[in-house]
Amino acid sequence: PTLARAMENLSTGNQEHLNTHLRALLLKKRPPPNLLWIAGEEDKKYVTLMGQAKKVGFTTWVCPKAGHRLCWDQPTAFEQRVMDFLSTLNYSNANRATKDAG
C-alpha cells in the first residue's frame, strides 16, 4: 500500500504541468538556478519539454537507451551524469566563496 500511494502521489497526473513554470521563466528572461534536466531518449514527452528548459538556461542531458525511469534503465550513466553536474556546482560555489572572502 505504501508504494502504491507513493506512486499515485508522485504521478505526473497529480503534479502541476511543467509548461506553466517554463513559460514563466521564459517571460522573465532570466536563467533559473543551476538545474539539471535529464530525460531518457525514449521518453518523448520529457525530451520535448527539455527544449523549453534549454531556452531558459537549464543544463540538459538525454540519456541514451532509457525511458521515463532512466535511473533504473541506465543507473551507471545516470549516476555519472548527476555526479558530474554536482561537481560543477561545488566548483562554482567554492570559487564564489573564495571571491567573497577575498
N, C-alpha and C. Protein backbone atom coordinates (compact mmCIF):
# COMPACT_ATOMS: atom_id res chain seq x y z
N PRO A 1 0.81 -1.21 0.00
CA PRO A 1 0.00 0.00 0.00
C PRO A 1 0.85 1.28 0.00
N THR A 2 1.99 1.27 0.71
CA THR A 2 2.82 2.48 0.79
C THR A 2 3.41 2.81 -0.58
N LEU A 3 3.92 1.80 -1.29
CA LEU A 3 4.48 2.03 -2.61
C LEU A 3 3.40 2.51 -3.57
N ALA A 4 2.24 1.89 -3.51
CA ALA A 4 1.15 2.30 -4.39
C ALA A 4 0.76 3.76 -4.12
N ARG A 5 0.68 4.13 -2.85
CA ARG A 5 0.35 5.52 -2.50
C ARG A 5 1.42 6.48 -3.01
N ALA A 6 2.67 6.10 -2.84
CA ALA A 6 3.77 6.95 -3.31
C ALA A 6 3.70 7.14 -4.82
N MET A 7 3.45 6.06 -5.54
CA MET A 7 3.38 6.15 -7.00
C MET A 7 2.20 7.03 -7.43
N GLU A 8 1.09 6.94 -6.73
CA GLU A 8 -0.06 7.79 -7.05
C GLU A 8 0.27 9.25 -6.76
N ASN A 9 0.84 9.52 -5.61
CA ASN A 9 1.14 10.89 -5.22
C ASN A 9 2.20 11.54 -6.10
N LEU A 10 3.16 10.76 -6.57
CA LEU A 10 4.25 11.29 -7.39
C LEU A 10 3.94 11.25 -8.88
N SER A 11 2.80 10.72 -9.23
CA SER A 11 2.41 10.62 -10.63
C SER A 11 2.33 12.00 -11.26
N THR A 12 2.76 12.09 -12.51
CA THR A 12 2.68 13.38 -13.20
C THR A 12 1.23 13.83 -13.36
N GLY A 13 0.30 12.92 -13.27
CA GLY A 13 -1.11 13.30 -13.32
C GLY A 13 -1.55 14.09 -12.10
N ASN A 14 -0.79 14.02 -11.02
CA ASN A 14 -1.10 14.75 -9.80
C ASN A 14 -0.21 15.96 -9.58
N GLN A 15 0.63 16.27 -10.56
CA GLN A 15 1.55 17.40 -10.42
C GLN A 15 1.14 18.52 -11.37
N GLU A 16 1.56 19.74 -11.03
CA GLU A 16 1.34 20.86 -11.94
C GLU A 16 2.11 20.60 -13.23
N HIS A 17 1.56 21.06 -14.33
CA HIS A 17 2.24 20.87 -15.61
C HIS A 17 3.47 21.77 -15.69
N LEU A 18 4.58 21.22 -16.12
CA LEU A 18 5.84 21.96 -16.18
C LEU A 18 5.81 23.12 -17.17
N ASN A 19 4.98 23.02 -18.20
CA ASN A 19 4.93 24.10 -19.20
C ASN A 19 4.63 25.44 -18.56
N THR A 20 3.79 25.45 -17.56
CA THR A 20 3.43 26.70 -16.89
C THR A 20 4.67 27.36 -16.30
N HIS A 21 5.48 26.58 -15.61
CA HIS A 21 6.69 27.12 -14.98
C HIS A 21 7.74 27.51 -16.01
N LEU A 22 7.88 26.71 -17.06
CA LEU A 22 8.87 27.03 -18.09
C LEU A 22 8.49 28.30 -18.82
N ARG A 23 7.21 28.48 -19.13
CA ARG A 23 6.77 29.71 -19.79
C ARG A 23 7.04 30.93 -18.92
N ALA A 24 6.79 30.79 -17.62
CA ALA A 24 7.03 31.91 -16.70
C ALA A 24 8.51 32.29 -16.70
N LEU A 25 9.39 31.30 -16.72
CA LEU A 25 10.83 31.60 -16.76
C LEU A 25 11.21 32.26 -18.07
N LEU A 26 10.61 31.83 -19.17
CA LEU A 26 10.90 32.44 -20.47
C LEU A 26 10.47 33.90 -20.48
N LEU A 27 9.32 34.19 -19.90
CA LEU A 27 8.82 35.57 -19.87
C LEU A 27 9.70 36.47 -19.01
N LYS A 28 10.25 35.93 -17.95
CA LYS A 28 11.11 36.72 -17.06
C LYS A 28 12.49 36.95 -17.69
N LYS A 29 12.83 36.12 -18.66
CA LYS A 29 14.12 36.21 -19.36
C LYS A 29 15.30 36.21 -18.40
N ARG A 30 15.19 35.37 -17.41
CA ARG A 30 16.33 35.21 -16.51
C ARG A 30 16.54 33.72 -16.28
N PRO A 31 17.78 33.31 -16.16
CA PRO A 31 18.05 31.88 -16.01
C PRO A 31 17.60 31.38 -14.63
N PRO A 32 17.19 30.13 -14.60
CA PRO A 32 16.84 29.53 -13.30
C PRO A 32 18.12 29.25 -12.53
N PRO A 33 17.99 28.88 -11.26
CA PRO A 33 19.19 28.45 -10.54
C PRO A 33 19.78 27.23 -11.26
N ASN A 34 20.98 26.85 -10.90
CA ASN A 34 21.61 25.70 -11.54
C ASN A 34 20.73 24.47 -11.43
N LEU A 35 20.14 24.09 -12.54
CA LEU A 35 19.26 22.93 -12.58
C LEU A 35 19.66 22.01 -13.71
N LEU A 36 19.57 20.74 -13.46
CA LEU A 36 19.88 19.71 -14.46
C LEU A 36 18.58 19.03 -14.85
N TRP A 37 18.28 19.05 -16.14
CA TRP A 37 17.08 18.39 -16.68
C TRP A 37 17.57 17.15 -17.41
N ILE A 38 17.15 15.99 -16.93
CA ILE A 38 17.54 14.73 -17.54
C ILE A 38 16.29 14.03 -18.06
N ALA A 39 16.38 13.49 -19.24
CA ALA A 39 15.28 12.69 -19.79
C ALA A 39 15.86 11.49 -20.52
N GLY A 40 15.14 10.39 -20.47
CA GLY A 40 15.53 9.22 -21.26
C GLY A 40 15.14 9.45 -22.71
N GLU A 41 15.97 9.01 -23.64
CA GLU A 41 15.70 9.28 -25.06
C GLU A 41 14.38 8.69 -25.54
N GLU A 42 13.89 7.67 -24.87
CA GLU A 42 12.62 7.05 -25.27
C GLU A 42 11.41 7.74 -24.62
N ASP A 43 11.65 8.69 -23.75
CA ASP A 43 10.58 9.42 -23.09
C ASP A 43 10.32 10.71 -23.87
N LYS A 44 9.58 10.57 -24.95
CA LYS A 44 9.40 11.68 -25.90
C LYS A 44 8.77 12.91 -25.26
N LYS A 45 7.87 12.73 -24.31
CA LYS A 45 7.21 13.87 -23.66
C LYS A 45 8.25 14.76 -22.97
N TYR A 46 9.14 14.16 -22.19
CA TYR A 46 10.11 14.95 -21.44
C TYR A 46 11.28 15.43 -22.29
N VAL A 47 11.60 14.69 -23.33
CA VAL A 47 12.63 15.17 -24.26
C VAL A 47 12.11 16.42 -24.97
N THR A 48 10.82 16.43 -25.31
CA THR A 48 10.22 17.60 -25.95
C THR A 48 10.20 18.79 -25.01
N LEU A 49 9.79 18.58 -23.76
CA LEU A 49 9.79 19.65 -22.77
C LEU A 49 11.20 20.18 -22.52
N MET A 50 12.18 19.33 -22.70
CA MET A 50 13.56 19.72 -22.49
C MET A 50 13.96 20.88 -23.40
N GLY A 51 13.38 20.93 -24.58
CA GLY A 51 13.68 22.03 -25.49
C GLY A 51 13.35 23.38 -24.86
N GLN A 52 12.24 23.45 -24.14
CA GLN A 52 11.87 24.69 -23.45
C GLN A 52 12.81 24.95 -22.28
N ALA A 53 13.19 23.90 -21.59
CA ALA A 53 14.10 24.05 -20.44
C ALA A 53 15.45 24.61 -20.90
N LYS A 54 15.92 24.16 -22.06
CA LYS A 54 17.20 24.67 -22.59
C LYS A 54 17.11 26.17 -22.85
N LYS A 55 15.96 26.63 -23.35
CA LYS A 55 15.80 28.05 -23.69
C LYS A 55 15.94 28.95 -22.47
N VAL A 56 15.63 28.42 -21.29
CA VAL A 56 15.73 29.26 -20.09
C VAL A 56 16.99 29.00 -19.28
N GLY A 57 17.88 28.17 -19.81
CA GLY A 57 19.18 28.02 -19.18
C GLY A 57 19.43 26.77 -18.37
N PHE A 58 18.52 25.80 -18.43
CA PHE A 58 18.78 24.55 -17.73
C PHE A 58 19.95 23.83 -18.39
N THR A 59 20.73 23.12 -17.60
CA THR A 59 21.68 22.16 -18.13
C THR A 59 20.86 20.93 -18.47
N THR A 60 21.05 20.36 -19.65
CA THR A 60 20.21 19.24 -20.07
C THR A 60 21.06 18.06 -20.52
N TRP A 61 20.45 16.89 -20.43
CA TRP A 61 21.11 15.67 -20.89
C TRP A 61 20.04 14.64 -21.25
N VAL A 62 20.16 14.06 -22.43
CA VAL A 62 19.29 12.97 -22.85
C VAL A 62 20.07 11.68 -22.65
N CYS A 63 19.52 10.81 -21.82
CA CYS A 63 20.18 9.54 -21.50
C CYS A 63 19.85 8.51 -22.58
N PRO A 64 20.87 8.01 -23.27
CA PRO A 64 20.64 7.01 -24.31
C PRO A 64 20.07 5.71 -23.74
N LYS A 65 19.28 5.04 -24.55
CA LYS A 65 18.73 3.72 -24.22
C LYS A 65 17.98 3.71 -22.90
N ALA A 66 17.21 4.77 -22.66
CA ALA A 66 16.45 4.86 -21.41
C ALA A 66 15.08 5.46 -21.69
N GLY A 67 14.14 5.09 -20.83
CA GLY A 67 12.79 5.63 -20.91
C GLY A 67 12.56 6.61 -19.78
N HIS A 68 11.31 6.65 -19.30
CA HIS A 68 10.95 7.61 -18.25
C HIS A 68 11.67 7.34 -16.94
N ARG A 69 11.85 6.09 -16.61
CA ARG A 69 12.53 5.73 -15.35
C ARG A 69 14.00 5.43 -15.65
N LEU A 70 14.68 6.46 -16.11
CA LEU A 70 16.03 6.27 -16.61
C LEU A 70 17.03 5.87 -15.55
N CYS A 71 16.77 6.22 -14.29
CA CYS A 71 17.72 5.82 -13.25
C CYS A 71 17.69 4.31 -13.04
N TRP A 72 16.62 3.64 -13.46
CA TRP A 72 16.59 2.17 -13.41
C TRP A 72 17.09 1.59 -14.74
N ASP A 73 16.80 2.29 -15.84
CA ASP A 73 17.20 1.79 -17.15
C ASP A 73 18.72 1.87 -17.36
N GLN A 74 19.30 2.97 -16.91
CA GLN A 74 20.73 3.23 -17.11
C GLN A 74 21.34 3.81 -15.82
N PRO A 75 21.39 3.01 -14.75
CA PRO A 75 21.81 3.55 -13.46
C PRO A 75 23.24 4.10 -13.44
N THR A 76 24.14 3.47 -14.12
CA THR A 76 25.53 3.93 -14.10
C THR A 76 25.67 5.26 -14.84
N ALA A 77 25.08 5.35 -16.01
CA ALA A 77 25.14 6.60 -16.78
C ALA A 77 24.43 7.72 -16.04
N PHE A 78 23.29 7.42 -15.43
CA PHE A 78 22.55 8.41 -14.66
C PHE A 78 23.39 8.94 -13.50
N GLU A 79 23.96 8.01 -12.74
CA GLU A 79 24.78 8.41 -11.59
C GLU A 79 25.97 9.26 -12.02
N GLN A 80 26.63 8.85 -13.08
CA GLN A 80 27.80 9.58 -13.55
C GLN A 80 27.44 11.01 -13.97
N ARG A 81 26.33 11.13 -14.71
CA ARG A 81 25.93 12.47 -15.18
C ARG A 81 25.54 13.37 -14.01
N VAL A 82 24.82 12.84 -13.04
CA VAL A 82 24.43 13.63 -11.88
C VAL A 82 25.68 14.04 -11.09
N MET A 83 26.60 13.11 -10.90
CA MET A 83 27.82 13.42 -10.15
C MET A 83 28.66 14.47 -10.89
N ASP A 84 28.74 14.36 -12.21
CA ASP A 84 29.47 15.36 -13.00
C ASP A 84 28.83 16.74 -12.82
N PHE A 85 27.51 16.79 -12.88
CA PHE A 85 26.81 18.05 -12.71
C PHE A 85 27.04 18.63 -11.32
N LEU A 86 26.92 17.79 -10.30
CA LEU A 86 27.12 18.25 -8.93
C LEU A 86 28.54 18.75 -8.71
N SER A 87 29.50 18.13 -9.35
CA SER A 87 30.89 18.57 -9.18
C SER A 87 31.08 19.97 -9.76
N THR A 88 30.35 20.33 -10.81
CA THR A 88 30.46 21.69 -11.34
C THR A 88 29.85 22.69 -10.38
N LEU A 89 28.81 22.29 -9.67
CA LEU A 89 28.20 23.20 -8.69
C LEU A 89 29.14 23.42 -7.53
N ASN A 90 29.77 22.37 -7.05
CA ASN A 90 30.72 22.51 -5.95
C ASN A 90 31.87 23.42 -6.36
N TYR A 91 32.34 23.28 -7.58
CA TYR A 91 33.42 24.12 -8.08
C TYR A 91 32.98 25.58 -8.13
N SER A 92 31.78 25.81 -8.67
CA SER A 92 31.26 27.17 -8.77
C SER A 92 31.08 27.78 -7.39
N ASN A 93 30.53 27.01 -6.45
CA ASN A 93 30.31 27.52 -5.12
C ASN A 93 31.62 27.79 -4.38
N ALA A 94 32.62 26.93 -4.61
CA ALA A 94 33.93 27.12 -4.00
C ALA A 94 34.57 28.41 -4.53
N ASN A 95 34.47 28.65 -5.84
CA ASN A 95 35.02 29.86 -6.42
C ASN A 95 34.31 31.11 -5.88
N ARG A 96 32.98 31.02 -5.78
CA ARG A 96 32.21 32.14 -5.27
C ARG A 96 32.61 32.46 -3.83
N ALA A 97 32.79 31.43 -3.01
CA ALA A 97 33.17 31.63 -1.61
C ALA A 97 34.56 32.26 -1.52
N THR A 98 35.46 31.82 -2.39
CA THR A 98 36.82 32.36 -2.39
C THR A 98 36.80 33.84 -2.77
N LYS A 99 36.01 34.19 -3.81
CA LYS A 99 35.92 35.58 -4.24
C LYS A 99 35.29 36.45 -3.17
N ASP A 100 34.25 35.92 -2.50
CA ASP A 100 33.58 36.69 -1.44
C ASP A 100 34.52 36.94 -0.27
N ALA A 101 35.37 35.95 0.03
CA ALA A 101 36.29 36.07 1.18
C ALA A 101 37.45 37.02 0.86
N GLY A 102 37.80 37.12 -0.45
CA GLY A 102 38.98 37.90 -0.84
C GLY A 102 38.64 39.30 -1.00
